[in-house]
N, C-alpha and C. Protein backbone atom coordinates (compact mmCIF):
# COMPACT_ATOMS: atom_id res chain seq x y z
N UNK A 1 20.17 1.29 -1.38
CA UNK A 1 18.92 1.58 -0.73
C UNK A 1 19.17 2.11 0.70
N UNK A 2 20.45 1.99 1.13
CA UNK A 2 20.74 2.43 2.48
C UNK A 2 20.37 3.90 2.69
N UNK A 3 20.54 4.72 1.69
CA UNK A 3 20.21 6.12 1.84
C UNK A 3 18.72 6.30 2.05
N UNK A 4 17.93 5.52 1.31
CA UNK A 4 16.43 5.61 1.45
C UNK A 4 16.04 5.14 2.85
N UNK A 5 16.65 4.06 3.29
CA UNK A 5 16.32 3.55 4.63
C UNK A 5 16.64 4.62 5.70
N UNK A 6 17.85 5.20 5.50
CA UNK A 6 18.26 6.24 6.46
C UNK A 6 17.23 7.41 6.44
N UNK A 7 16.80 7.79 5.21
CA UNK A 7 15.81 8.88 5.12
C UNK A 7 14.50 8.52 5.80
N UNK A 8 14.05 7.29 5.62
CA UNK A 8 12.84 6.86 6.23
C UNK A 8 12.99 6.79 7.78
N UNK A 9 14.14 6.30 8.25
CA UNK A 9 14.38 6.35 9.70
C UNK A 9 14.40 7.72 10.26
N UNK A 10 14.99 8.63 9.52
CA UNK A 10 15.05 9.99 9.94
C UNK A 10 13.60 10.59 10.09
N UNK A 11 12.74 10.32 9.12
CA UNK A 11 11.42 10.82 9.22
C UNK A 11 10.68 10.20 10.41
N UNK A 12 10.92 8.91 10.71
CA UNK A 12 10.31 8.28 11.89
C UNK A 12 10.74 8.96 13.15
N UNK A 13 12.02 9.34 13.25
CA UNK A 13 12.53 9.98 14.41
C UNK A 13 11.88 11.30 14.56
N UNK A 14 11.77 12.01 13.44
CA UNK A 14 11.14 13.37 13.50
C UNK A 14 9.67 13.25 13.94
N UNK A 15 8.97 12.32 13.34
CA UNK A 15 7.58 12.03 13.72
C UNK A 15 7.41 11.77 15.22
N UNK A 16 8.32 10.95 15.74
CA UNK A 16 8.27 10.59 17.18
C UNK A 16 8.48 11.82 18.02
N UNK A 17 9.46 12.68 17.62
CA UNK A 17 9.70 13.95 18.39
C UNK A 17 8.49 14.87 18.35
N UNK A 18 7.93 14.98 17.25
CA UNK A 18 6.67 15.84 17.11
C UNK A 18 5.52 15.32 17.90
N UNK A 19 5.30 14.03 17.89
CA UNK A 19 4.24 13.40 18.67
C UNK A 19 4.42 13.61 20.16
N UNK A 20 5.69 13.52 20.59
CA UNK A 20 6.08 13.66 21.97
C UNK A 20 6.24 15.12 22.46
N UNK A 21 6.09 16.06 21.54
CA UNK A 21 6.33 17.43 21.87
C UNK A 21 7.75 17.81 22.12
N UNK A 22 8.68 17.05 21.58
CA UNK A 22 10.09 17.36 21.74
C UNK A 22 10.61 18.10 20.57
N UNK A 23 11.66 18.91 20.68
CA UNK A 23 12.33 19.53 19.53
C UNK A 23 12.89 18.44 18.61
N UNK A 24 12.96 18.73 17.36
CA UNK A 24 13.59 17.85 16.37
C UNK A 24 15.14 17.96 16.59
N UNK A 25 15.82 16.87 16.58
CA UNK A 25 17.26 16.82 16.68
C UNK A 25 17.83 17.56 15.44
N UNK A 26 18.73 18.47 15.70
CA UNK A 26 19.32 19.23 14.52
C UNK A 26 19.97 18.32 13.47
N UNK A 27 20.44 17.14 13.89
CA UNK A 27 21.01 16.17 12.96
C UNK A 27 19.96 15.68 11.99
N UNK A 28 18.70 15.66 12.41
CA UNK A 28 17.60 15.27 11.54
C UNK A 28 16.96 16.48 10.83
N UNK A 29 16.95 17.61 11.57
CA UNK A 29 16.27 18.78 11.05
C UNK A 29 17.00 19.36 9.79
N UNK A 30 18.33 19.31 9.79
CA UNK A 30 19.08 19.95 8.72
C UNK A 30 18.73 19.24 7.36
N UNK A 31 18.78 17.89 7.27
CA UNK A 31 18.48 17.27 6.01
C UNK A 31 17.01 17.41 5.59
N UNK A 32 16.08 17.52 6.57
CA UNK A 32 14.68 17.76 6.29
C UNK A 32 14.52 19.10 5.67
N UNK A 33 15.11 20.16 6.31
CA UNK A 33 14.99 21.51 5.81
C UNK A 33 15.61 21.61 4.37
N UNK A 34 16.74 21.02 4.17
CA UNK A 34 17.36 21.01 2.86
C UNK A 34 16.51 20.35 1.82
N UNK A 35 15.83 19.26 2.18
CA UNK A 35 15.01 18.51 1.19
C UNK A 35 13.77 19.45 0.84
N UNK A 36 13.14 20.02 1.85
CA UNK A 36 12.01 20.91 1.59
C UNK A 36 12.45 22.10 0.72
N UNK A 37 13.63 22.67 1.03
CA UNK A 37 14.08 23.79 0.20
C UNK A 37 14.30 23.37 -1.23
N UNK A 38 14.94 22.16 -1.42
CA UNK A 38 15.26 21.64 -2.76
C UNK A 38 13.90 21.42 -3.59
N UNK A 39 12.92 20.85 -2.85
CA UNK A 39 11.63 20.66 -3.54
C UNK A 39 11.04 21.96 -4.00
N UNK A 40 10.94 22.98 -3.12
CA UNK A 40 10.32 24.27 -3.47
C UNK A 40 11.19 25.06 -4.44
N UNK A 41 12.50 24.74 -4.57
CA UNK A 41 13.32 25.44 -5.53
C UNK A 41 13.24 24.75 -6.91
N UNK A 42 12.55 23.60 -6.95
CA UNK A 42 12.40 22.89 -8.20
C UNK A 42 13.52 21.96 -8.55
N UNK A 43 14.44 21.66 -7.53
CA UNK A 43 15.52 20.79 -7.80
C UNK A 43 15.15 19.33 -7.65
N UNK A 44 13.96 19.05 -7.21
CA UNK A 44 13.46 17.69 -7.08
C UNK A 44 11.99 17.68 -7.52
N UNK A 45 11.59 16.70 -8.34
CA UNK A 45 10.22 16.66 -8.90
C UNK A 45 9.16 16.53 -7.85
N UNK A 46 9.48 15.76 -6.76
CA UNK A 46 8.50 15.52 -5.72
C UNK A 46 9.16 15.63 -4.35
N UNK A 47 8.37 15.82 -3.36
CA UNK A 47 8.99 15.94 -2.00
C UNK A 47 9.49 14.56 -1.60
N UNK A 48 8.95 13.48 -1.96
CA UNK A 48 9.54 12.18 -1.56
C UNK A 48 10.83 12.01 -2.30
N UNK A 49 11.02 12.51 -3.49
CA UNK A 49 12.34 12.42 -4.10
C UNK A 49 13.36 13.27 -3.42
N UNK A 50 12.94 14.52 -3.01
CA UNK A 50 13.83 15.35 -2.31
C UNK A 50 14.27 14.77 -0.98
N UNK A 51 13.32 14.07 -0.33
CA UNK A 51 13.57 13.44 0.96
C UNK A 51 14.41 12.11 0.79
N UNK A 52 14.55 11.66 -0.41
CA UNK A 52 15.32 10.43 -0.66
C UNK A 52 14.48 9.14 -0.37
N UNK A 53 13.18 9.33 -0.57
CA UNK A 53 12.25 8.16 -0.29
C UNK A 53 11.77 7.42 -1.47
N UNK A 54 12.04 7.87 -2.64
CA UNK A 54 11.59 7.17 -3.88
C UNK A 54 12.36 5.87 -4.11
N UNK A 55 11.69 4.92 -4.69
CA UNK A 55 12.35 3.64 -5.04
C UNK A 55 13.44 3.93 -6.06
N UNK A 56 14.49 3.10 -6.00
CA UNK A 56 15.69 3.30 -6.84
C UNK A 56 15.34 3.03 -8.29
N UNK A 57 14.30 2.33 -8.56
CA UNK A 57 13.91 2.07 -9.98
C UNK A 57 12.73 1.11 -9.96
N UNK A 58 12.25 0.81 -11.16
CA UNK A 58 11.10 -0.10 -11.33
C UNK A 58 11.38 -1.45 -10.65
N UNK A 59 10.42 -1.93 -9.84
CA UNK A 59 10.59 -3.20 -9.20
C UNK A 59 11.35 -3.10 -7.92
N UNK A 60 11.87 -2.03 -7.60
CA UNK A 60 12.70 -1.82 -6.34
C UNK A 60 11.74 -1.38 -5.20
N UNK A 61 12.13 -1.81 -3.97
CA UNK A 61 11.37 -1.42 -2.78
C UNK A 61 11.51 0.12 -2.54
N UNK A 62 10.46 0.81 -2.22
CA UNK A 62 10.59 2.15 -1.83
C UNK A 62 11.14 2.25 -0.38
N UNK A 63 11.44 3.42 0.07
CA UNK A 63 12.07 3.56 1.38
C UNK A 63 11.18 3.07 2.42
N UNK A 64 9.89 3.30 2.32
CA UNK A 64 8.95 2.83 3.38
C UNK A 64 9.00 1.30 3.51
N UNK A 65 8.96 0.60 2.41
CA UNK A 65 8.96 -0.87 2.40
C UNK A 65 10.27 -1.40 2.92
N UNK A 66 11.38 -0.78 2.38
CA UNK A 66 12.68 -1.21 2.85
C UNK A 66 12.91 -0.99 4.38
N UNK A 67 12.35 0.11 4.81
CA UNK A 67 12.51 0.43 6.25
C UNK A 67 11.65 -0.61 7.07
N UNK A 68 10.46 -0.87 6.64
CA UNK A 68 9.61 -1.84 7.29
C UNK A 68 10.27 -3.20 7.38
N UNK A 69 10.88 -3.62 6.32
CA UNK A 69 11.57 -4.87 6.33
C UNK A 69 12.77 -4.91 7.22
N UNK A 70 13.52 -3.82 7.30
CA UNK A 70 14.66 -3.72 8.24
C UNK A 70 14.20 -3.73 9.65
N UNK A 71 13.07 -3.03 9.96
CA UNK A 71 12.51 -3.07 11.33
C UNK A 71 12.03 -4.48 11.68
N UNK A 72 11.38 -5.14 10.73
CA UNK A 72 10.93 -6.52 10.89
C UNK A 72 12.14 -7.44 11.28
N UNK A 73 13.25 -7.30 10.49
CA UNK A 73 14.37 -8.14 10.74
C UNK A 73 14.99 -7.90 12.13
N UNK A 74 15.10 -6.62 12.51
CA UNK A 74 15.54 -6.30 13.82
C UNK A 74 14.70 -6.89 14.94
N UNK A 75 13.35 -6.78 14.70
CA UNK A 75 12.41 -7.32 15.77
C UNK A 75 12.54 -8.82 15.79
N UNK A 76 12.70 -9.49 14.64
CA UNK A 76 12.87 -10.99 14.64
C UNK A 76 14.11 -11.33 15.47
N UNK A 77 15.22 -10.65 15.30
CA UNK A 77 16.42 -10.94 16.08
C UNK A 77 16.20 -10.73 17.58
N UNK A 78 15.48 -9.64 17.89
CA UNK A 78 15.28 -9.35 19.27
C UNK A 78 14.32 -10.41 19.87
N UNK A 79 13.32 -10.81 19.17
CA UNK A 79 12.42 -11.83 19.64
C UNK A 79 13.13 -13.17 19.84
N UNK A 80 14.08 -13.49 18.92
CA UNK A 80 14.85 -14.67 19.07
C UNK A 80 15.68 -14.76 20.31
N UNK A 81 16.04 -13.59 20.85
CA UNK A 81 16.73 -13.56 22.15
C UNK A 81 15.90 -13.91 23.30
N UNK A 82 14.54 -13.96 23.17
CA UNK A 82 13.68 -14.24 24.22
C UNK A 82 13.17 -15.70 24.22
N UNK A 83 13.54 -16.44 23.20
CA UNK A 83 13.03 -17.81 23.10
C UNK A 83 14.20 -18.83 23.17
N UNK A 84 13.84 -20.05 23.03
CA UNK A 84 14.86 -21.10 23.10
C UNK A 84 16.00 -20.85 22.02
N UNK A 85 17.19 -21.20 22.44
CA UNK A 85 18.34 -20.85 21.52
C UNK A 85 18.36 -21.71 20.25
N UNK A 86 17.74 -22.88 20.25
CA UNK A 86 17.75 -23.76 19.04
C UNK A 86 16.85 -23.20 18.01
N UNK A 87 17.49 -22.66 16.94
CA UNK A 87 16.71 -22.22 15.78
C UNK A 87 17.23 -22.88 14.46
N UNK A 88 17.76 -24.07 14.64
CA UNK A 88 18.34 -24.77 13.51
C UNK A 88 17.34 -25.69 12.88
N UNK A 89 16.62 -25.19 11.80
CA UNK A 89 15.58 -25.97 11.13
C UNK A 89 14.21 -25.59 11.54
N UNK A 90 13.27 -25.93 10.67
CA UNK A 90 11.83 -25.60 10.92
C UNK A 90 11.24 -26.29 12.12
N UNK A 91 11.84 -27.39 12.48
CA UNK A 91 11.27 -28.16 13.67
C UNK A 91 11.98 -27.81 15.00
N UNK A 92 12.90 -26.87 14.96
CA UNK A 92 13.62 -26.43 16.21
C UNK A 92 12.72 -25.79 17.20
N UNK A 93 13.01 -25.99 18.43
CA UNK A 93 12.18 -25.45 19.49
C UNK A 93 12.06 -23.96 19.47
N UNK A 94 13.14 -23.19 19.18
CA UNK A 94 13.05 -21.76 19.13
C UNK A 94 12.25 -21.27 17.93
N UNK A 95 12.27 -21.99 16.83
CA UNK A 95 11.52 -21.64 15.65
C UNK A 95 9.98 -21.86 15.96
N UNK A 96 9.73 -22.99 16.61
CA UNK A 96 8.33 -23.22 17.02
C UNK A 96 7.82 -22.14 17.96
N UNK A 97 8.63 -21.83 18.97
CA UNK A 97 8.23 -20.80 19.93
C UNK A 97 7.92 -19.45 19.27
N UNK A 98 8.78 -19.03 18.35
CA UNK A 98 8.55 -17.74 17.66
C UNK A 98 7.31 -17.88 16.78
N UNK A 99 7.20 -18.98 15.99
CA UNK A 99 6.04 -19.16 15.15
C UNK A 99 4.76 -19.16 15.95
N UNK A 100 4.70 -19.81 17.05
CA UNK A 100 3.45 -19.86 17.85
C UNK A 100 3.11 -18.47 18.39
N UNK A 101 4.14 -17.75 18.84
CA UNK A 101 3.91 -16.44 19.36
C UNK A 101 3.35 -15.49 18.23
N UNK A 102 3.93 -15.55 17.04
CA UNK A 102 3.50 -14.69 15.96
C UNK A 102 2.09 -15.10 15.44
N UNK A 103 1.83 -16.40 15.42
CA UNK A 103 0.54 -16.92 14.95
C UNK A 103 -0.55 -16.44 15.97
N UNK A 104 -0.26 -16.53 17.30
CA UNK A 104 -1.27 -16.13 18.32
C UNK A 104 -1.52 -14.62 18.17
N UNK A 105 -0.48 -13.82 18.00
CA UNK A 105 -0.73 -12.38 17.80
C UNK A 105 -1.52 -12.09 16.53
N UNK A 106 -1.17 -12.78 15.50
CA UNK A 106 -1.86 -12.55 14.19
C UNK A 106 -3.35 -12.92 14.30
N UNK A 107 -3.67 -13.91 15.05
CA UNK A 107 -5.08 -14.29 15.20
C UNK A 107 -5.82 -13.52 16.30
N UNK A 108 -5.04 -12.99 17.20
CA UNK A 108 -5.67 -12.25 18.34
C UNK A 108 -5.74 -10.72 18.08
N UNK A 109 -4.69 -10.05 18.49
CA UNK A 109 -4.74 -8.59 18.53
C UNK A 109 -4.44 -7.92 17.18
N UNK A 110 -3.71 -8.59 16.32
CA UNK A 110 -3.36 -7.96 15.06
C UNK A 110 -4.48 -7.38 14.26
N UNK A 111 -5.59 -8.05 14.07
CA UNK A 111 -6.70 -7.46 13.31
C UNK A 111 -7.15 -6.09 13.83
N UNK A 112 -7.11 -5.93 15.11
CA UNK A 112 -7.55 -4.67 15.77
C UNK A 112 -6.48 -3.61 15.58
N UNK A 113 -5.20 -3.95 15.57
CA UNK A 113 -4.12 -3.01 15.58
C UNK A 113 -3.36 -2.82 14.27
N UNK A 114 -3.82 -3.61 13.24
CA UNK A 114 -3.02 -3.65 12.00
C UNK A 114 -2.98 -2.29 11.24
N UNK A 115 -3.96 -1.44 11.46
CA UNK A 115 -3.96 -0.09 10.71
C UNK A 115 -3.37 0.97 11.57
N UNK A 116 -2.86 0.65 12.78
CA UNK A 116 -2.24 1.71 13.60
C UNK A 116 -1.02 2.30 12.95
N UNK A 117 -0.90 3.67 13.01
CA UNK A 117 0.21 4.30 12.38
C UNK A 117 1.51 4.02 13.13
N UNK A 118 1.38 3.85 14.48
CA UNK A 118 2.55 3.57 15.32
C UNK A 118 2.17 2.33 16.15
N UNK A 119 3.16 1.61 16.60
CA UNK A 119 2.88 0.43 17.42
C UNK A 119 2.07 0.77 18.65
N UNK A 120 0.96 0.08 18.90
CA UNK A 120 0.13 0.39 20.07
C UNK A 120 0.66 -0.23 21.36
N UNK A 121 1.70 -1.02 21.29
CA UNK A 121 2.23 -1.64 22.47
C UNK A 121 3.54 -0.95 22.83
N UNK A 122 3.74 -0.59 24.14
CA UNK A 122 4.91 0.22 24.46
C UNK A 122 6.26 -0.60 24.24
N UNK A 123 6.18 -1.92 24.55
CA UNK A 123 7.40 -2.74 24.39
C UNK A 123 7.02 -4.18 24.65
N UNK A 124 7.94 -5.11 24.54
CA UNK A 124 7.75 -6.49 24.84
C UNK A 124 7.34 -7.32 23.56
N UNK A 125 6.94 -8.54 23.86
CA UNK A 125 6.62 -9.45 22.78
C UNK A 125 5.54 -9.03 21.87
N UNK A 126 4.53 -8.38 22.36
CA UNK A 126 3.43 -7.83 21.46
C UNK A 126 4.00 -6.78 20.48
N UNK A 127 4.85 -5.91 21.00
CA UNK A 127 5.39 -4.84 20.21
C UNK A 127 6.23 -5.46 19.13
N UNK A 128 7.06 -6.48 19.49
CA UNK A 128 7.84 -7.16 18.49
C UNK A 128 7.00 -7.87 17.44
N UNK A 129 5.95 -8.57 17.88
CA UNK A 129 5.07 -9.25 16.95
C UNK A 129 4.37 -8.28 16.05
N UNK A 130 3.94 -7.16 16.53
CA UNK A 130 3.31 -6.09 15.67
C UNK A 130 4.25 -5.58 14.63
N UNK A 131 5.51 -5.36 14.99
CA UNK A 131 6.49 -4.89 14.09
C UNK A 131 6.85 -5.97 13.04
N UNK A 132 6.92 -7.18 13.43
CA UNK A 132 7.18 -8.28 12.50
C UNK A 132 6.06 -8.48 11.50
N UNK A 133 4.81 -8.49 11.97
CA UNK A 133 3.70 -8.66 11.10
C UNK A 133 3.57 -7.41 10.13
N UNK A 134 3.76 -6.24 10.65
CA UNK A 134 3.71 -5.05 9.80
C UNK A 134 4.72 -5.10 8.67
N UNK A 135 5.93 -5.51 9.00
CA UNK A 135 6.96 -5.66 8.04
C UNK A 135 6.86 -6.82 7.09
N UNK A 136 5.91 -7.71 7.44
CA UNK A 136 5.73 -8.96 6.65
C UNK A 136 4.37 -9.00 5.95
N UNK A 137 3.81 -7.79 5.68
CA UNK A 137 2.59 -7.72 4.93
C UNK A 137 1.37 -8.22 5.71
N UNK A 138 1.49 -8.23 7.06
CA UNK A 138 0.33 -8.58 7.88
C UNK A 138 0.23 -10.11 8.13
N UNK A 139 1.25 -10.87 7.68
CA UNK A 139 1.14 -12.32 7.79
C UNK A 139 2.31 -12.79 8.74
N UNK A 140 1.99 -13.76 9.53
CA UNK A 140 3.03 -14.37 10.38
C UNK A 140 3.97 -15.24 9.46
N UNK A 141 5.25 -15.09 9.62
CA UNK A 141 6.15 -15.91 8.79
C UNK A 141 5.94 -17.43 9.10
N UNK A 142 6.19 -18.25 8.09
CA UNK A 142 6.12 -19.71 8.33
C UNK A 142 7.31 -20.17 9.13
N UNK A 143 7.23 -21.44 9.60
CA UNK A 143 8.34 -21.98 10.34
C UNK A 143 9.58 -22.11 9.37
N UNK A 144 9.32 -22.55 8.17
CA UNK A 144 10.43 -22.73 7.20
C UNK A 144 11.06 -21.38 6.94
N UNK A 145 10.26 -20.31 6.71
CA UNK A 145 10.86 -19.00 6.50
C UNK A 145 11.67 -18.54 7.67
N UNK A 146 11.18 -18.76 8.87
CA UNK A 146 11.92 -18.38 10.10
C UNK A 146 13.22 -19.13 10.17
N UNK A 147 13.24 -20.45 9.95
CA UNK A 147 14.43 -21.24 9.96
C UNK A 147 15.44 -20.76 8.89
N UNK A 148 14.99 -20.45 7.78
CA UNK A 148 15.84 -19.89 6.68
C UNK A 148 16.41 -18.50 7.11
N UNK A 149 15.58 -17.69 7.67
CA UNK A 149 16.06 -16.37 8.12
C UNK A 149 17.22 -16.51 9.10
N UNK A 150 17.01 -17.39 10.04
CA UNK A 150 18.09 -17.54 11.08
C UNK A 150 19.28 -18.35 10.68
N UNK A 151 19.18 -19.03 9.49
CA UNK A 151 20.33 -19.82 9.02
C UNK A 151 21.27 -18.95 8.21
N UNK A 152 20.90 -17.75 7.85
CA UNK A 152 21.80 -16.89 7.07
C UNK A 152 22.51 -15.93 7.92
C-alpha cells in the first residue's frame, strides 16, 4: 500500500501548490502527467487506477483512507511530544492529556470543521486534533486505544 500512500501524498502536495498559486514540483508533475497519459491511452481503466489510488483488493483500504490513517498516526506522535511523557497504560497522565484534548476538540470545533477539505487551523494543537479526528472517522480515540497505539 506504500505506493498508494505515496500517490495520495503526491496529489495532496500538488493540490497545496495549486491552492497557493505555486508551480507543481517536477518530481510530482512527471508521475501525474504519466498517469493522465496512461488513462487517456486506455492503459488504465480509471484515472484513480492510473494514479495508483485504487485499493489493492476487496476489503483493502484505498489510498485516501490509508493516507488519512498515516497522517493521523503522524499527528498522534506529534501531539504526544506536547504532553506529559508518561503514556504507559490508559490511566497514564500523557494518555489522559491527549484524550481530553481530543475529546474537547471533538465536542467543540470539530462539528463545524469536519467537512473542511483542508485543515482550517494553520498549526498547533487544533490542527493536530483535526487531523487525528479526520483520520479516525470523526471520533476521538479512547484512552485504551491511545495507550495501545503508544505501546507498539
